Protein backbone atom coordinates (compact mmCIF):
# COMPACT_ATOMS: atom_id res chain seq x y z
CA UNK A 1 28.06 -21.53 32.83
CA UNK A 2 27.85 -24.70 30.73
CA UNK A 3 25.36 -23.04 28.39
CA UNK A 4 27.71 -20.08 27.91
CA UNK A 5 30.63 -22.39 27.06
CA UNK A 6 28.45 -24.30 24.61
CA UNK A 7 27.39 -21.02 22.98
CA UNK A 8 31.02 -19.92 22.65
CA UNK A 9 32.15 -23.32 21.32
CA UNK A 10 29.46 -23.68 18.70
CA UNK A 11 29.87 -22.07 15.27
CA UNK A 12 28.13 -18.74 14.99
CA UNK A 13 26.14 -17.93 11.88
CA UNK A 14 27.57 -15.42 9.45
CA UNK A 15 24.83 -12.89 10.23
CA UNK A 16 26.06 -12.70 13.85
CA UNK A 17 29.85 -13.00 13.46
CA UNK A 18 30.04 -10.75 10.39
CA UNK A 19 28.35 -7.71 11.95
CA UNK A 20 30.38 -8.13 15.14
CA UNK A 21 33.59 -8.00 13.13
CA UNK A 22 32.22 -5.21 10.94
CA UNK A 23 31.25 -3.09 13.94
CA UNK A 24 34.82 -3.17 15.26
CA UNK A 25 35.95 -0.68 12.61
CA UNK A 26 33.41 2.07 13.26
CA UNK A 27 33.94 1.56 16.98
CA UNK A 28 37.73 2.03 16.64
CA UNK A 29 37.24 5.05 14.40
CA UNK A 30 34.60 6.54 16.70
CA UNK A 31 36.43 5.93 19.98
CA UNK A 32 39.89 7.08 19.01
CA UNK A 33 40.18 7.74 15.28
CA UNK A 34 42.19 4.51 14.97
CA UNK A 35 42.55 2.75 11.63
CA UNK A 36 42.32 -1.03 11.74
CA UNK A 37 45.12 -3.13 10.28
CA UNK A 38 47.43 -5.88 11.42
CA UNK A 39 50.33 -5.71 8.96
CA UNK A 40 51.49 -2.38 10.43
CA UNK A 41 52.47 -4.32 13.56
CA UNK A 42 55.34 -5.91 11.64
CA UNK A 43 56.74 -2.42 11.07
CA UNK A 44 56.26 -1.60 14.75
CA UNK A 45 58.02 -4.82 15.79
CA UNK A 46 61.00 -3.98 13.56
CA UNK A 47 61.11 -0.45 14.99
CA UNK A 48 61.19 -1.91 18.50
CA UNK A 49 63.65 -4.74 17.90
CA UNK A 50 66.22 -3.29 15.49
CA UNK A 51 69.18 -1.53 17.08
CA UNK A 52 69.20 2.22 16.41
CA UNK A 53 72.45 1.99 14.44
CA UNK A 54 70.96 -0.58 12.06
CA UNK A 55 67.53 1.02 11.58
CA UNK A 56 66.64 2.28 8.12
CA UNK A 57 64.73 5.57 8.06
CA UNK A 58 61.45 3.68 7.53
CA UNK A 59 61.72 2.29 11.08
CA UNK A 60 62.79 5.52 12.79
CA UNK A 61 59.59 6.86 14.26
CA UNK A 62 57.91 6.95 17.66
CA UNK A 63 56.38 3.47 17.75
CA UNK A 64 55.02 4.16 21.24
CA UNK A 65 52.18 6.14 19.67
CA UNK A 66 51.06 2.88 18.07
CA UNK A 67 51.00 0.80 21.27
CA UNK A 68 47.25 0.42 20.95
CA UNK A 69 47.76 -1.49 17.66
CA UNK A 70 50.35 -3.76 19.27
CA UNK A 71 47.98 -4.41 22.16
CA UNK A 72 45.19 -5.14 19.67
CA UNK A 73 47.41 -7.70 17.88
CA UNK A 74 48.37 -9.21 21.24
CA UNK A 75 44.69 -9.49 22.10
CA UNK A 76 44.06 -11.30 18.81
CA UNK A 77 46.82 -13.79 19.63
CA UNK A 78 45.51 -14.28 23.16
CA UNK A 79 41.96 -14.64 21.86
CA UNK A 80 43.13 -17.22 19.33
CA UNK A 81 44.81 -19.23 22.07
CA UNK A 82 41.70 -19.09 24.26
CA UNK A 83 39.46 -20.04 21.33
CA UNK A 84 41.72 -22.87 20.19
CA UNK A 85 42.68 -24.33 23.56
CA UNK A 86 39.83 -23.59 25.95
CA UNK A 87 36.92 -23.31 23.56
CA UNK A 88 38.08 -25.65 20.78
CA UNK A 89 35.45 -27.91 19.30
CA UNK A 90 36.68 -31.54 19.39
CA UNK A 91 34.36 -32.52 16.57
CA UNK A 92 35.62 -32.65 12.97
CA UNK A 93 34.89 -29.55 10.94
CA UNK A 94 31.44 -29.80 9.38
CA UNK A 95 31.76 -29.73 5.62
CA UNK A 96 29.50 -30.66 2.76
CA UNK A 97 30.02 -34.02 1.11
CA UNK A 98 31.49 -32.30 -1.95
CA UNK A 99 33.86 -30.30 0.26
CA UNK A 100 35.07 -33.42 2.07
CA UNK A 101 35.57 -35.19 -1.26
CA UNK A 102 37.59 -32.33 -2.77
CA UNK A 103 39.81 -32.20 0.34
CA UNK A 104 40.32 -35.97 0.28
CA UNK A 105 41.18 -35.75 -3.43
CA UNK A 106 44.10 -33.54 -2.36
CA UNK A 107 45.28 -36.28 0.02
CA UNK A 108 44.15 -34.54 3.21
CA UNK A 109 42.07 -36.30 5.85
CA UNK A 110 39.30 -34.37 7.62
CA UNK A 111 39.99 -34.49 11.36
CA UNK A 112 39.11 -32.31 14.36
CA UNK A 113 40.79 -28.92 14.24
CA UNK A 114 41.31 -26.29 11.61
CA UNK A 115 44.72 -27.22 10.19
CA UNK A 116 45.24 -30.60 8.52
CA UNK A 117 48.15 -32.61 9.92
CA UNK A 118 49.48 -33.06 6.39
CA UNK A 119 50.13 -29.31 6.17
CA UNK A 120 51.73 -28.95 9.61
CA UNK A 121 54.16 -31.90 9.62
CA UNK A 122 57.44 -29.99 9.94
CA UNK A 123 59.47 -33.17 9.43
CA UNK A 124 58.39 -33.07 5.78
CA UNK A 125 60.62 -30.78 3.64
CA UNK A 126 57.67 -30.14 1.31
CA UNK A 127 55.78 -28.49 4.19
CA UNK A 128 58.74 -26.11 4.67
CA UNK A 129 58.61 -25.32 0.96
CA UNK A 130 54.86 -24.71 1.15
CA UNK A 131 55.28 -22.41 4.17
CA UNK A 132 58.14 -20.49 2.55
CA UNK A 133 56.39 -19.92 -0.78
CA UNK A 134 53.09 -19.11 0.95
CA UNK A 135 54.83 -16.62 3.24
CA UNK A 136 56.56 -14.95 0.30
CA UNK A 137 53.28 -14.66 -1.62
CA UNK A 138 51.41 -13.25 1.36
CA UNK A 139 54.25 -10.87 2.22
CA UNK A 140 54.56 -9.67 -1.37
CA UNK A 141 50.80 -9.20 -1.67
CA UNK A 142 50.65 -7.28 1.59
CA UNK A 143 53.49 -4.96 0.61
CA UNK A 144 52.33 -4.54 -3.00
CA UNK A 145 48.74 -3.91 -1.91
CA UNK A 146 49.84 -1.35 0.68
CA UNK A 147 48.35 -3.27 3.59
CA UNK A 148 46.74 -6.51 4.63
CA UNK A 149 43.27 -7.86 4.03
CA UNK A 150 42.03 -6.66 7.40
CA UNK A 151 43.15 -3.09 6.73
CA UNK A 152 41.81 -2.94 3.20
CA UNK A 153 38.73 -5.15 3.35
CA UNK A 154 37.49 -3.90 6.70
CA UNK A 155 38.75 -0.34 7.18
CA UNK A 156 39.30 0.65 3.56
CA UNK A 157 35.98 -0.60 2.25
CA UNK A 158 34.05 0.79 5.20
CA UNK A 159 35.51 4.23 4.46
CA UNK A 160 34.81 3.84 0.72
CA UNK A 161 38.42 3.89 -0.51
CA UNK A 162 38.82 2.86 -4.16
CA UNK A 163 42.33 1.39 -3.78
CA UNK A 164 41.02 -0.84 -0.98
CA UNK A 165 38.33 -2.21 -3.29
CA UNK A 166 41.00 -3.06 -5.89
CA UNK A 167 43.24 -4.63 -3.22
CA UNK A 168 40.39 -6.65 -1.73
CA UNK A 169 39.29 -8.01 -5.10
CA UNK A 170 42.92 -8.86 -5.84
CA UNK A 171 43.31 -10.64 -2.48
CA UNK A 172 40.22 -12.72 -3.16
CA UNK A 173 41.31 -13.52 -6.71
CA UNK A 174 44.71 -14.59 -5.37
CA UNK A 175 43.01 -16.80 -2.80
CA UNK A 176 40.86 -18.48 -5.44
CA UNK A 177 43.90 -18.98 -7.66
CA UNK A 178 45.93 -20.39 -4.78
CA UNK A 179 43.20 -22.75 -3.60
CA UNK A 180 42.44 -24.10 -7.05
CA UNK A 181 45.87 -24.14 -8.74
CA UNK A 182 48.72 -23.74 -6.26
CA UNK A 183 47.42 -25.89 -3.38
CA UNK A 184 46.79 -28.98 -5.54
CA UNK A 185 50.29 -28.58 -7.02
CA UNK A 186 51.87 -28.30 -3.57
CA UNK A 187 49.86 -31.24 -2.25
CA UNK A 188 51.16 -33.36 -5.12
CA UNK A 189 54.72 -32.40 -4.11
CA UNK A 190 54.04 -33.19 -0.42
CA UNK A 191 52.89 -36.76 -1.16
């Protein structure tokens, strides 16, 4: 049992984790003709939670047919909790010397865990600003791109959809831009 826990706690190489994630899509398509995507769950949640009198036409559909997607998202949340709480690695994240230096240049200390404390300190108004602007950018990109990165990059590319290639390249370009231009600017505001 200890060996199994150690295997689950240790980082898996890309050539194991990548194919496991990649095989989820054909499996979902093969088992039930189900398209993979997480952002659709926000629409389902609104369809469930909004009162019928206040629902726009976009949210008036039979969301019960999409229960599998809600259960999938719930499983991701549960899996994240299990991975973070029960299987979390107490060691600091292993980064190259150059990676550690670039993070420290931003004013962030490398500690155990995935999220730096400097970015999760909700007593700092700058963190609220960072979360709000980040949420708006992600939400806009998801809506403008017609789906999220999981739907486009995993399902769309695996089914050879041209718009998904454009969306995925745009998501990656936005991530590079954010990491190299926006994050240093926000970190300067936080300090």
